[in-house]
Amino acid sequence: MNEMLKIAIVTKNGESIVGTFGSSQYFKVYEIVDNKIIKEELREVYVDKAEEDVPSIISKNNGLNGKGAFSLNVVDASKDKHMRIAKSISDCHVVIARGMCANAWDSIEQFKMEPIITTNKQFEETVEQYLDKSLVNHKDKVH
């Protein structure tokens, strides 16, 4: 029996690889069997509306009335957000984006998925390069 491979690719517009893992609005998910795409879908990213409050957490909880200290609450909120995004595509094996932070990278790996940072913009070209093992993973671009 042939195993299915699922690749999730970050997109904001559904037409090309755009954006970082944490700011993505959609994932283009490809199902592959025998190195052939058998299905593709556009999934909306699950983001809790509470994430819209993150900027106010910085100003309210930094201890200096909004003047310069970084709040651990923001770091924790970022980790939680990335874990929830990763969980929403945890049926996939590979996650490809044009950028991601260390929290995103770690979250993806915790769900046993392979994180990849690419400079490509086209979905199918990127999938083909992954399948033929020529896709470059720009790990040095983790921010």
C-alpha atoms as a PDB file:
ATOM      1  CA  MET A   1       0.000   0.000   0.000  1.00  0.00           C
ATOM      2  CA  ASN A   2       1.320   3.436  -0.947  1.00  0.00           C
ATOM      3  CA  GLU A   3       1.676   6.049   1.749  1.00  0.00           C
ATOM      4  CA  MET A   4       0.113   9.434   1.332  1.00  0.00           C
ATOM      5  CA  LEU A   5       2.222  12.551   1.856  1.00  0.00           C
ATOM      6  CA  LYS A   6       0.600  15.860   2.776  1.00  0.00           C
ATOM      7  CA  ILE A   7       2.375  19.160   2.241  1.00  0.00           C
ATOM      8  CA  ALA A   8       0.982  22.394   3.706  1.00  0.00           C
ATOM      9  CA  ILE A   9       2.172  25.643   2.135  1.00  0.00           C
ATOM     10  CA  VAL A  10       1.632  29.090   3.651  1.00  0.00           C
ATOM     11  CA  THR A  11      -0.339  31.617   1.606  1.00  0.00           C
ATOM     12  CA  LYS A  12      -2.249  34.833   2.156  1.00  0.00           C
ATOM     13  CA  ASN A  13      -3.962  34.925  -1.222  1.00  0.00           C
ATOM     14  CA  GLY A  14      -4.366  31.290  -2.273  1.00  0.00           C
ATOM     15  CA  GLU A  15      -2.389  31.981  -5.449  1.00  0.00           C
ATOM     16  CA  SER A  16       1.255  31.960  -4.369  1.00  0.00           C
ATOM     17  CA  ILE A  17       3.562  31.304  -1.430  1.00  0.00           C
ATOM     18  CA  VAL A  18       3.306  34.524   0.535  1.00  0.00           C
ATOM     19  CA  GLY A  19       4.053  35.352   4.145  1.00  0.00           C
ATOM     20  CA  THR A  20       5.313  33.767   7.297  1.00  0.00           C
ATOM     21  CA  PHE A  21       3.869  30.811   9.178  1.00  0.00           C
ATOM     22  CA  GLY A  22       2.434  32.979  11.958  1.00  0.00           C
ATOM     23  CA  SER A  23       0.865  35.595   9.676  1.00  0.00           C
ATOM     24  CA  SER A  24      -0.596  33.167   7.170  1.00  0.00           C
ATOM     25  CA  GLN A  25      -4.301  33.318   6.367  1.00  0.00           C
ATOM     26  CA  TYR A  26      -4.463  30.010   4.508  1.00  0.00           C
ATOM     27  CA  PHE A  27      -2.576  26.822   3.816  1.00  0.00           C
ATOM     28  CA  LYS A  28      -2.581  25.238   0.386  1.00  0.00           C
ATOM     29  CA  VAL A  29      -2.527  21.528   1.249  1.00  0.00           C
ATOM     30  CA  TYR A  30      -1.397  18.973  -1.303  1.00  0.00           C
ATOM     31  CA  GLU A  31      -2.020  15.241  -0.977  1.00  0.00           C
ATOM     32  CA  ILE A  32       0.551  13.180  -2.830  1.00  0.00           C
ATOM     33  CA  VAL A  33       0.693   9.463  -3.629  1.00  0.00           C
ATOM     34  CA  ASP A  34       3.472   7.914  -5.739  1.00  0.00           C
ATOM     35  CA  ASN A  35       5.000  11.382  -6.233  1.00  0.00           C
ATOM     36  CA  LYS A  36       1.783  12.616  -7.880  1.00  0.00           C
ATOM     37  CA  ILE A  37      -0.582  15.268  -6.598  1.00  0.00           C
ATOM     38  CA  ILE A  38      -3.956  13.599  -6.139  1.00  0.00           C
ATOM     39  CA  LYS A  39      -5.750  16.382  -4.286  1.00  0.00           C
ATOM     40  CA  GLU A  40      -5.300  19.985  -3.246  1.00  0.00           C
ATOM     41  CA  GLU A  41      -7.309  22.154  -0.908  1.00  0.00           C
ATOM     42  CA  LEU A  42      -7.187  25.641   0.535  1.00  0.00           C
ATOM     43  CA  ARG A  43      -7.554  25.637   4.323  1.00  0.00           C
ATOM     44  CA  GLU A  44      -8.267  28.706   6.370  1.00  0.00           C
ATOM     45  CA  VAL A  45      -5.860  29.145   9.279  1.00  0.00           C
ATOM     46  CA  TYR A  46      -7.380  28.827  12.725  1.00  0.00           C
ATOM     47  CA  VAL A  47      -6.527  31.954  14.697  1.00  0.00           C
ATOM     48  CA  ASP A  48      -8.302  32.836  17.900  1.00  0.00           C
ATOM     49  CA  LYS A  49      -9.666  36.377  17.855  1.00  0.00           C
ATOM     50  CA  ALA A  50      -7.846  36.923  21.160  1.00  0.00           C
ATOM     51  CA  GLU A  51      -4.618  37.133  19.158  1.00  0.00           C
ATOM     52  CA  GLU A  52      -5.747  40.573  18.059  1.00  0.00           C
ATOM     53  CA  ASP A  53      -5.038  41.652  21.650  1.00  0.00           C
ATOM     54  CA  VAL A  54      -1.314  40.848  21.511  1.00  0.00           C
ATOM     55  CA  PRO A  55      -0.181  44.469  20.898  1.00  0.00           C
ATOM     56  CA  SER A  56      -2.109  45.626  23.961  1.00  0.00           C
ATOM     57  CA  ILE A  57      -0.434  42.908  26.046  1.00  0.00           C
ATOM     58  CA  ILE A  58       2.895  44.537  25.239  1.00  0.00           C
ATOM     59  CA  SER A  59       1.823  47.938  26.484  1.00  0.00           C
ATOM     60  CA  LYS A  60      -0.229  46.788  29.487  1.00  0.00           C
ATOM     61  CA  ASN A  61       2.029  44.134  30.960  1.00  0.00           C
ATOM     62  CA  ASN A  62       5.571  45.270  30.393  1.00  0.00           C
ATOM     63  CA  GLY A  63       5.946  46.929  33.781  1.00  0.00           C
ATOM     64  CA  LEU A  64       7.129  50.261  32.418  1.00  0.00           C
ATOM     65  CA  ASN A  65       3.819  51.684  31.228  1.00  0.00           C
ATOM     66  CA  GLY A  66       4.593  50.823  27.628  1.00  0.00           C
ATOM     67  CA  LYS A  67       8.207  52.030  27.637  1.00  0.00           C
ATOM     68  CA  GLY A  68      10.660  49.380  26.582  1.00  0.00           C
ATOM     69  CA  ALA A  69      10.475  46.131  28.580  1.00  0.00           C
ATOM     70  CA  PHE A  70       9.425  42.964  26.797  1.00  0.00           C
ATOM     71  CA  SER A  71       6.672  40.913  28.368  1.00  0.00           C
ATOM     72  CA  LEU A  72       6.969  37.165  28.801  1.00  0.00           C
ATOM     73  CA  ASN A  73       3.217  37.113  28.245  1.00  0.00           C
ATOM     74  CA  VAL A  74       3.855  38.035  24.613  1.00  0.00           C
ATOM     75  CA  VAL A  75       6.355  35.200  24.200  1.00  0.00           C
ATOM     76  CA  ASP A  76       3.889  32.741  25.736  1.00  0.00           C
ATOM     77  CA  ALA A  77       1.072  34.069  23.520  1.00  0.00           C
ATOM     78  CA  SER A  78       3.311  33.641  20.455  1.00  0.00           C
ATOM     79  CA  LYS A  79       4.148  30.036  21.372  1.00  0.00           C
ATOM     80  CA  ASP A  80       0.482  29.267  21.980  1.00  0.00           C
ATOM     81  CA  LYS A  81      -0.564  30.839  18.670  1.00  0.00           C
ATOM     82  CA  HIS A  82       2.027  28.883  16.693  1.00  0.00           C
ATOM     83  CA  MET A  83       1.107  25.628  18.440  1.00  0.00           C
ATOM     84  CA  ARG A  84      -2.573  26.134  17.553  1.00  0.00           C
ATOM     85  CA  ILE A  85      -1.729  26.902  13.932  1.00  0.00           C
ATOM     86  CA  ALA A  86       0.515  23.825  13.730  1.00  0.00           C
ATOM     87  CA  LYS A  87      -2.156  21.653  15.330  1.00  0.00           C
ATOM     88  CA  SER A  88      -4.663  22.746  12.671  1.00  0.00           C
ATOM     89  CA  ILE A  89      -2.464  21.154   9.976  1.00  0.00           C
ATOM     90  CA  SER A  90      -1.050  18.316  12.079  1.00  0.00           C
ATOM     91  CA  ASP A  91      -2.345  15.776   9.556  1.00  0.00           C
ATOM     92  CA  CYS A  92       0.377  17.059   7.213  1.00  0.00           C
ATOM     93  CA  HIS A  93       3.974  15.857   7.016  1.00  0.00           C
ATOM     94  CA  VAL A  94       5.691  18.972   5.655  1.00  0.00           C
ATOM     95  CA  VAL A  95       5.089  22.704   6.203  1.00  0.00           C
ATOM     96  CA  ILE A  96       6.568  25.199   3.747  1.00  0.00           C
ATOM     97  CA  ALA A  97       6.684  28.976   4.229  1.00  0.00           C
ATOM     98  CA  ARG A  98       8.712  31.943   3.032  1.00  0.00           C
ATOM     99  CA  GLY A  99       9.546  32.774   6.641  1.00  0.00           C
ATOM    100  CA  MET A 100       9.054  31.613  10.208  1.00  0.00           C
ATOM    101  CA  CYS A 101      10.231  32.405  13.696  1.00  0.00           C
ATOM    102  CA  ALA A 102      11.861  29.947  16.083  1.00  0.00           C
ATOM    103  CA  ASN A 103       8.534  29.415  17.894  1.00  0.00           C
ATOM    104  CA  ALA A 104       6.874  28.428  14.606  1.00  0.00           C
ATOM    105  CA  TRP A 105       9.737  26.083  13.687  1.00  0.00           C
ATOM    106  CA  ASP A 106       9.584  24.404  17.112  1.00  0.00           C
ATOM    107  CA  SER A 107       5.787  24.095  16.997  1.00  0.00           C
ATOM    108  CA  ILE A 108       5.912  22.407  13.604  1.00  0.00           C
ATOM    109  CA  GLU A 109       8.562  19.962  14.806  1.00  0.00           C
ATOM    110  CA  GLN A 110       6.584  19.163  17.966  1.00  0.00           C
ATOM    111  CA  PHE A 111       3.813  17.819  15.724  1.00  0.00           C
ATOM    112  CA  LYS A 112       6.406  15.665  13.906  1.00  0.00           C
ATOM    113  CA  MET A 113       6.158  17.728  10.724  1.00  0.00           C
ATOM    114  CA  GLU A 114       9.126  18.917   8.665  1.00  0.00           C
ATOM    115  CA  PRO A 115       9.485  22.734   8.541  1.00  0.00           C
ATOM    116  CA  ILE A 116      10.922  24.259   5.367  1.00  0.00           C
ATOM    117  CA  ILE A 117      11.672  27.882   4.538  1.00  0.00           C
ATOM    118  CA  THR A 118      11.743  28.574   0.810  1.00  0.00           C
ATOM    119  CA  THR A 119      12.363  31.524  -1.471  1.00  0.00           C
ATOM    120  CA  ASN A 120       9.962  30.073  -4.057  1.00  0.00           C
ATOM    121  CA  LYS A 121       6.622  31.688  -4.811  1.00  0.00           C
ATOM    122  CA  GLN A 122       4.909  29.024  -6.938  1.00  0.00           C
ATOM    123  CA  PHE A 123       3.084  26.130  -5.257  1.00  0.00           C
ATOM    124  CA  GLU A 124       3.480  23.299  -7.739  1.00  0.00           C
ATOM    125  CA  GLU A 125       7.116  24.100  -8.560  1.00  0.00           C
ATOM    126  CA  THR A 126       7.853  23.956  -4.828  1.00  0.00           C
ATOM    127  CA  VAL A 127       6.035  20.646  -4.372  1.00  0.00           C
ATOM    128  CA  GLU A 128       7.904  19.172  -7.356  1.00  0.00           C
ATOM    129  CA  GLN A 129      11.240  20.351  -5.950  1.00  0.00           C
ATOM    130  CA  TYR A 130      10.399  18.831  -2.564  1.00  0.00           C
ATOM    131  CA  LEU A 131       9.508  15.512  -4.179  1.00  0.00           C
ATOM    132  CA  ASP A 132      12.698  15.353  -6.251  1.00  0.00           C
ATOM    133  CA  LYS A 133      14.745  16.468  -3.220  1.00  0.00           C
ATOM    134  CA  SER A 134      16.015  19.657  -4.868  1.00  0.00           C
ATOM    135  CA  LEU A 135      14.109  22.121  -2.653  1.00  0.00           C
ATOM    136  CA  VAL A 136      16.552  24.207  -0.606  1.00  0.00           C
ATOM    137  CA  ASN A 137      15.597  24.654   3.053  1.00  0.00           C
ATOM    138  CA  HIS A 138      16.773  28.115   4.138  1.00  0.00           C
ATOM    139  CA  LYS A 139      17.060  27.293   7.851  1.00  0.00           C
ATOM    140  CA  ASP A 140      19.302  30.340   8.248  1.00  0.00           C
ATOM    141  CA  LYS A 141      16.226  32.523   7.642  1.00  0.00           C
ATOM    142  CA  VAL A 142      14.553  31.515  10.938  1.00  0.00           C
ATOM    143  CA  HIS A 143      13.999  34.742  12.859  1.00  0.00           C
END
